[in-house]
Protein backbone atom coordinates (compact mmCIF):
# COMPACT_ATOMS: atom_id res chain seq x y z
CA UNK A 1 120.97 265.76 -27.92
CA UNK A 2 124.18 266.62 -28.20
CA UNK A 3 125.72 265.16 -24.81
CA UNK A 4 123.98 261.23 -25.99
CA UNK A 5 125.72 258.63 -27.93
CA UNK A 6 124.79 255.43 -29.27
CA UNK A 7 126.53 252.31 -29.50
CA UNK A 8 128.46 252.68 -26.32
CA UNK A 9 129.79 249.37 -26.58
CA UNK A 10 131.93 250.68 -29.37
CA UNK A 11 131.84 254.47 -28.75
CA UNK A 12 132.72 254.63 -24.77
CA UNK A 13 135.73 256.66 -24.10
CA UNK A 14 136.60 255.15 -20.86
CA UNK A 15 135.31 251.59 -18.99
CA UNK A 16 133.85 253.41 -16.13
CA UNK A 17 131.22 255.71 -18.13
CA UNK A 18 127.01 255.21 -18.28
CA UNK A 19 125.33 254.80 -21.23
CA UNK A 20 122.58 256.70 -23.09
CA UNK A 21 121.62 254.34 -25.80
CA UNK A 22 117.87 254.23 -26.08
CA UNK A 23 116.63 250.55 -24.36
CA UNK A 24 115.43 249.47 -27.70
CA UNK A 25 118.51 250.28 -29.86
CA UNK A 26 122.07 249.86 -29.80
CA UNK A 27 124.97 247.38 -29.72
CA UNK A 28 123.61 244.81 -27.52
CA UNK A 29 126.64 244.31 -25.28
CA UNK A 30 126.08 243.09 -21.17
CA UNK A 31 124.43 246.59 -20.09
CA UNK A 32 126.16 248.20 -22.75
CA UNK A 33 129.56 247.91 -21.26
CA UNK A 34 132.73 248.36 -23.85
CA UNK A 35 132.87 245.51 -25.97
CA UNK A 36 136.83 244.51 -26.31
CA UNK A 37 139.16 241.81 -26.24
CA UNK A 38 141.76 244.41 -24.64
CA UNK A 39 141.24 244.40 -20.82
CA UNK A 40 143.68 246.34 -19.43
CA UNK A 41 141.99 248.43 -16.82
CA UNK A 42 139.10 246.21 -15.78
CA UNK A 43 138.16 245.83 -12.32
CA UNK A 44 135.66 243.04 -14.24
CA UNK A 45 135.01 241.23 -16.90
CA UNK A 46 132.21 239.70 -18.48
CA UNK A 47 132.35 237.22 -21.07
CA UNK A 48 130.04 234.21 -22.65
CA UNK A 49 130.64 230.62 -23.17
CA UNK A 50 127.97 229.68 -25.97
CA UNK A 51 127.80 225.73 -25.39
CA UNK A 52 125.07 223.11 -24.51
CA UNK A 53 126.34 219.70 -25.94
CA UNK A 54 126.54 218.69 -22.16
CA UNK A 55 122.69 219.22 -21.77
CA UNK A 56 120.73 215.70 -20.68
CA UNK A 57 117.36 217.26 -22.10
CA UNK A 58 116.48 220.21 -24.23
CA UNK A 59 119.30 222.23 -25.72
CA UNK A 60 119.32 225.84 -26.42
CA UNK A 61 121.61 227.24 -23.92
CA UNK A 62 124.33 227.65 -26.68
CA UNK A 63 121.89 231.00 -27.23
CA UNK A 64 121.93 232.18 -23.46
CA UNK A 65 124.54 234.82 -23.67
CA UNK A 66 123.09 236.81 -26.96
CA UNK A 67 119.83 236.24 -25.15
CA UNK A 68 121.05 237.66 -21.84
CA UNK A 69 123.06 240.50 -23.21
CA UNK A 70 119.87 241.73 -25.58
CA UNK A 71 117.63 241.42 -22.27
CA UNK A 72 120.42 243.50 -20.12
CA UNK A 73 119.28 246.58 -22.31
CA UNK A 74 116.52 246.56 -19.80
CA UNK A 75 119.24 248.45 -17.59
CA UNK A 76 119.29 251.76 -18.76
CA UNK A 77 121.98 253.21 -16.62
CA UNK A 78 119.82 254.84 -13.93
CA UNK A 79 121.11 253.41 -10.30
CA UNK A 80 120.02 250.01 -10.36
CA UNK A 81 117.68 248.85 -8.12
CA UNK A 82 118.24 247.95 -5.30
CA UNK A 83 122.01 248.93 -5.49
CA UNK A 84 120.83 252.44 -5.69
CA UNK A 85 124.21 253.60 -7.43
CA UNK A 86 125.42 253.90 -11.12
CA UNK A 87 127.54 250.59 -10.92
CA UNK A 88 129.99 251.20 -13.08
CA UNK A 89 130.65 255.01 -11.32
CA UNK A 90 133.91 253.04 -10.32
CA UNK A 91 133.75 249.45 -11.40
CA UNK A 92 135.48 249.48 -14.94
CA UNK A 93 133.98 246.35 -16.52
CA UNK A 94 134.37 245.07 -20.26
CA UNK A 95 132.28 242.69 -21.87
CA UNK A 96 134.74 240.74 -23.66
CA UNK A 97 132.55 238.77 -25.58
CA UNK A 98 132.19 234.87 -26.04
CA UNK A 99 134.74 232.35 -25.80
CA UNK A 100 136.03 230.50 -29.51
CA UNK A 101 134.82 226.50 -29.26
CA UNK A 102 134.99 224.16 -32.04
CA UNK A 103 131.92 222.32 -31.84
CA UNK A 104 132.93 219.54 -34.19
CA UNK A 105 135.13 218.51 -31.08
CA UNK A 106 133.57 218.80 -27.66
CA UNK A 107 136.31 217.21 -25.77
CA UNK A 108 138.40 219.99 -26.34
CA UNK A 109 136.18 222.28 -24.86
CA UNK A 110 136.84 222.06 -21.02
CA UNK A 111 140.66 222.87 -21.49
CA UNK A 112 139.90 225.66 -24.15
CA UNK A 113 137.09 227.46 -21.77
CA UNK A 114 140.21 226.67 -18.48
CA UNK A 115 142.97 228.03 -20.91
CA UNK A 116 140.96 231.70 -21.71
CA UNK A 117 139.44 231.97 -18.06
CA UNK A 118 143.12 231.51 -16.63
CA UNK A 119 144.45 234.46 -18.69
CA UNK A 120 141.33 236.83 -18.00
CA UNK A 121 141.60 236.54 -14.47
CA UNK A 122 145.32 236.37 -14.46
CA UNK A 123 145.85 240.05 -14.10
CA UNK A 124 143.49 240.58 -11.05
CA UNK A 125 139.50 241.24 -12.65
CA UNK A 126 136.59 239.80 -11.24
CA UNK A 127 135.27 237.07 -14.06
CA UNK A 128 131.38 237.09 -14.69
CA UNK A 129 130.23 234.63 -17.32
CA UNK A 130 126.96 234.13 -19.14
CA UNK A 131 126.39 230.53 -19.63
CA UNK A 132 125.73 228.15 -21.79
CA UNK A 133 124.95 224.99 -19.80
CA UNK A 134 126.21 223.83 -16.76
CA UNK A 135 129.16 222.05 -17.63
CA UNK A 136 130.95 225.03 -18.24
CA UNK A 137 131.07 225.50 -14.31
CA UNK A 138 133.77 223.02 -14.02
CA UNK A 139 136.39 224.12 -16.11
CA UNK A 140 135.95 227.48 -14.86
CA UNK A 141 136.26 226.05 -11.38
CA UNK A 142 139.39 224.86 -12.49
CA UNK A 143 140.57 228.30 -13.44
CA UNK A 144 139.41 230.35 -10.25
CA UNK A 145 140.88 227.61 -7.78
CA UNK A 146 144.70 227.92 -9.92
CA UNK A 147 144.74 231.49 -8.60
CA UNK A 148 142.51 231.82 -5.43
CA UNK A 149 143.05 227.99 -4.17
CA UNK A 150 139.88 225.46 -3.20
CA UNK A 151 136.75 227.41 -3.29
CA UNK A 152 133.39 227.05 -1.49
CA UNK A 153 130.28 226.94 -3.97
CA UNK A 154 127.06 228.64 -3.46
CA UNK A 155 125.15 226.96 -5.82
CA UNK A 156 121.35 228.34 -7.11
CA UNK A 157 119.87 225.36 -8.64
CA UNK A 158 117.05 222.83 -8.59
CA UNK A 159 119.19 219.61 -9.29
CA UNK A 160 122.63 218.60 -7.11
CA UNK A 161 124.66 217.64 -10.32
CA UNK A 162 126.67 215.14 -8.60
CA UNK A 163 125.75 212.03 -10.75
CA UNK A 164 128.23 209.78 -11.80
CA UNK A 165 131.11 210.79 -13.80
CA UNK A 166 134.00 208.73 -15.13
CA UNK A 167 136.03 211.93 -15.51
CA UNK A 168 135.53 211.89 -19.54
CA UNK A 169 132.31 212.86 -20.00
CA UNK A 170 130.78 216.12 -21.02
CA UNK A 171 127.60 216.04 -18.90
CA UNK A 172 125.83 219.25 -17.19
CA UNK A 173 124.82 217.18 -14.45
CA UNK A 174 128.06 215.94 -12.95
CA UNK A 175 130.50 218.68 -12.84
CA UNK A 176 129.72 219.07 -8.72
CA UNK A 177 130.84 215.72 -8.23
CA UNK A 178 133.76 216.05 -10.22
CA UNK A 179 135.05 219.36 -8.61
CA UNK A 180 134.28 217.55 -5.29
CA UNK A 181 136.82 214.57 -6.32
CA UNK A 182 139.06 216.49 -7.62
CA UNK A 183 139.41 219.20 -4.35
CA UNK A 184 138.34 222.27 -6.47
CA UNK A 185 135.66 223.10 -3.76
CA UNK A 186 135.43 223.00 -0.06
CA UNK A 187 132.56 220.44 0.16
CA UNK A 188 132.18 221.58 4.15
CA UNK A 189 131.86 225.30 3.46
CA UNK A 190 129.83 224.37 0.50
CA UNK A 191 125.51 224.75 0.01
CA UNK A 192 123.35 224.32 -2.61
CA UNK A 193 120.33 226.01 -2.86
CA UNK A 194 116.62 225.42 -4.06
CA UNK A 195 117.51 221.74 -5.22
CA UNK A 196 114.10 219.99 -6.27
CA UNK A 197 115.38 216.26 -7.19
CA UNK A 198 117.50 213.82 -5.67
CA UNK A 199 121.10 212.74 -6.68
CA UNK A 200 122.85 209.63 -5.81
CA UNK A 201 125.27 211.08 -3.11
CA UNK A 202 125.40 214.75 -1.61
CA UNK A 203 129.28 214.96 -1.72
CA UNK A 204 128.86 216.55 2.02
CA UNK A 205 127.33 219.35 0.83
CA UNK A 206 124.84 221.43 2.85
CA UNK A 207 120.98 221.27 0.82
CA UNK A 208 118.76 223.63 1.08
CA UNK A 209 115.85 222.06 -0.44
CA UNK A 210 112.92 223.94 -2.73
CA UNK A 211 110.77 223.49 0.13
CA UNK A 212 113.32 224.69 2.46
CA UNK A 213 113.50 228.22 0.24
CA UNK A 214 109.64 228.19 0.22
CA UNK A 215 108.86 228.03 3.92
CA UNK A 216 112.02 230.33 4.80
CA UNK A 217 112.10 234.03 4.64
CA UNK A 218 115.23 235.33 2.34
CA UNK A 219 116.96 236.97 5.11
CA UNK A 220 117.24 233.41 6.80
CA UNK A 221 118.52 231.91 3.73
CA UNK A 222 120.80 234.15 3.10
CA UNK A 223 122.36 234.01 6.56
CA UNK A 224 122.78 230.37 6.06
CA UNK A 225 124.27 230.74 3.67
CA UNK A 226 127.02 233.02 4.77
CA UNK A 227 127.31 230.90 8.06
CA UNK A 228 127.73 227.92 6.21
CA UNK A 229 130.73 229.24 4.00
CA UNK A 230 131.89 230.80 6.71
CA UNK A 231 133.71 233.58 5.15
CA UNK A 232 135.67 231.18 2.20
CA UNK A 233 136.32 232.64 -0.69
CA UNK A 234 133.43 231.56 -2.82
CA UNK A 235 132.68 230.34 -6.45
CA UNK A 236 128.56 231.76 -6.95
CA UNK A 237 127.19 229.88 -10.17
CA UNK A 238 123.00 230.24 -10.72
CA UNK A 239 121.40 227.51 -12.76
CA UNK A 240 118.63 229.61 -13.55
CA UNK A 241 116.40 226.53 -13.28
CA UNK A 242 116.34 227.56 -9.49
CA UNK A 243 113.43 229.57 -10.35
CA UNK A 244 109.90 227.81 -10.85
CA UNK A 245 109.16 227.76 -14.36
CA UNK A 246 106.59 230.13 -14.15
CA UNK A 247 109.73 232.86 -13.80
CA UNK A 248 112.27 230.90 -15.93
CA UNK A 249 110.38 228.61 -18.73
CA UNK A 250 113.49 228.94 -20.89
CA UNK A 251 115.62 226.40 -19.88
CA UNK A 252 116.41 223.07 -20.77
CA UNK A 253 115.64 221.32 -17.59
CA UNK A 254 112.46 223.21 -16.10
CA UNK A 255 111.53 221.53 -12.00
CA UNK A 256 108.42 222.96 -10.79
CA UNK A 257 107.74 223.88 -7.22
CA UNK A 258 110.74 226.49 -7.28
CA UNK A 259 110.83 230.12 -6.07
CA UNK A 260 109.98 233.40 -7.45
CA UNK A 261 112.47 235.56 -8.98
CA UNK A 262 111.16 238.17 -6.42
CA UNK A 263 112.70 235.85 -3.26
CA UNK A 264 116.11 234.41 -4.73
CA UNK A 265 116.92 238.04 -5.70
CA UNK A 266 116.07 239.29 -2.35
CA UNK A 267 118.36 236.51 -1.40
CA UNK A 268 121.37 237.80 -3.69
CA UNK A 269 121.13 241.09 -2.45
CA UNK A 270 121.66 240.11 1.26
CA UNK A 271 125.17 238.25 0.30
CA UNK A 272 127.11 241.32 0.55
CA UNK A 273 129.45 239.45 2.98
CA UNK A 274 130.43 236.68 0.64
CA UNK A 275 133.75 237.01 -0.80
CA UNK A 276 132.81 235.96 -4.25
CA UNK A 277 136.02 235.29 -6.64
CA UNK A 278 134.12 234.29 -9.49
CA UNK A 279 130.39 233.70 -10.99
CA UNK A 280 128.38 232.45 -13.38
CA UNK A 281 124.54 232.61 -14.74
CA UNK A 282 123.76 229.39 -16.59
CA UNK A 283 121.14 227.52 -18.39
CA UNK A 284 119.32 229.85 -20.06
CA UNK A 285 117.70 228.17 -23.20
CA UNK A 286 115.27 231.33 -25.23
CA UNK A 287 114.41 228.89 -27.90
CA UNK A 288 111.74 227.62 -25.05
CA UNK A 289 111.42 231.34 -23.53
CA UNK A 290 108.41 233.64 -23.54
CA UNK A 291 108.39 236.89 -23.95
CA UNK A 292 112.18 236.95 -22.43
CA UNK A 293 111.09 236.22 -19.11
CA UNK A 294 114.00 234.22 -18.58
CA UNK A 295 116.73 235.88 -20.29
CA UNK A 296 115.50 239.16 -18.01
CA UNK A 297 115.84 236.97 -14.98
CA UNK A 298 119.06 235.94 -15.94
CA UNK A 299 120.39 239.53 -17.14
CA UNK A 300 119.10 240.66 -13.42
CA UNK A 301 121.18 237.65 -11.70
CA UNK A 302 123.90 238.73 -13.50
CA UNK A 303 123.45 242.52 -12.36
CA UNK A 304 123.01 241.77 -9.21
CA UNK A 305 126.37 239.94 -9.04
CA UNK A 306 128.12 242.99 -10.24
CA UNK A 307 125.62 245.13 -8.01
CA UNK A 308 127.39 243.22 -4.84
CA UNK A 309 130.96 243.63 -6.60
CA UNK A 310 130.42 247.17 -7.25
CA UNK A 311 129.99 247.22 -3.00
CA UNK A 312 132.64 245.61 -2.25
CA UNK A 313 134.84 247.34 -4.47
CA UNK A 314 133.41 250.82 -3.08
CA UNK A 315 134.14 249.61 0.37
CA UNK A 316 137.53 248.70 -0.27
CA UNK A 317 137.32 244.77 -0.09
């Protein structure tokens, strides 16, 4: 095995090289990408935000980044389905590790996340974030909007996250309302998919409810998203509880009646036309998981996000 290496996250000599680690061994960066605090030359940066102090039900999403990285080892660097390509043949990706947060000073968390995210995207890389609870999307949006201007929010979720917010709360159920009030998102071009709860307001955002997802095929759902966003720069956020608990039991606020992972992945695959400027996968809480079902779903969603990115780069977009 002279041409093979292990611990590719540390032994890789380039940012675009494939890994040869056994699926069951080696350093567990996201999809075996190089672990580094040096993002020079990276097209895409993956990092984790291990924060769950904003949860309203079951905590544990602080362990989400670890679980997603571990589950991503299943992608053993063959051409990735359904993209039919080595995602890293042309796309240089670094796993930056995690955001350092003070667990005893949660009021400082938003500014810390925003500041670090802004630094990471300052040179142009695409930022893929592994959460963490859904509160983290608010400071991430602030960092991305500072660079790109107001964005269309494309949100896969069981919850609208538009509950009352006094602008001081650390709450994963109100970040969308806050982002709408602050003008971070273009509400007229924003859309939420898979919603299976009611909130006091919709902030003018288009909602595709859970029963509509069930009754509509993946191609139509994707077409609805693309038509509603109208080609606008977008931020893609995926709460794993968008999926039915049968496919994602390991989450803080599971809601029955959701779509399968197969259907939502089919929707994601059809979003090649979406101009995604940043993305996250949140609310994976492995303590409530079984056989890594939720972590595998979260890692697969994140891999699809990278696949869409790789295709856009290959097409020069």
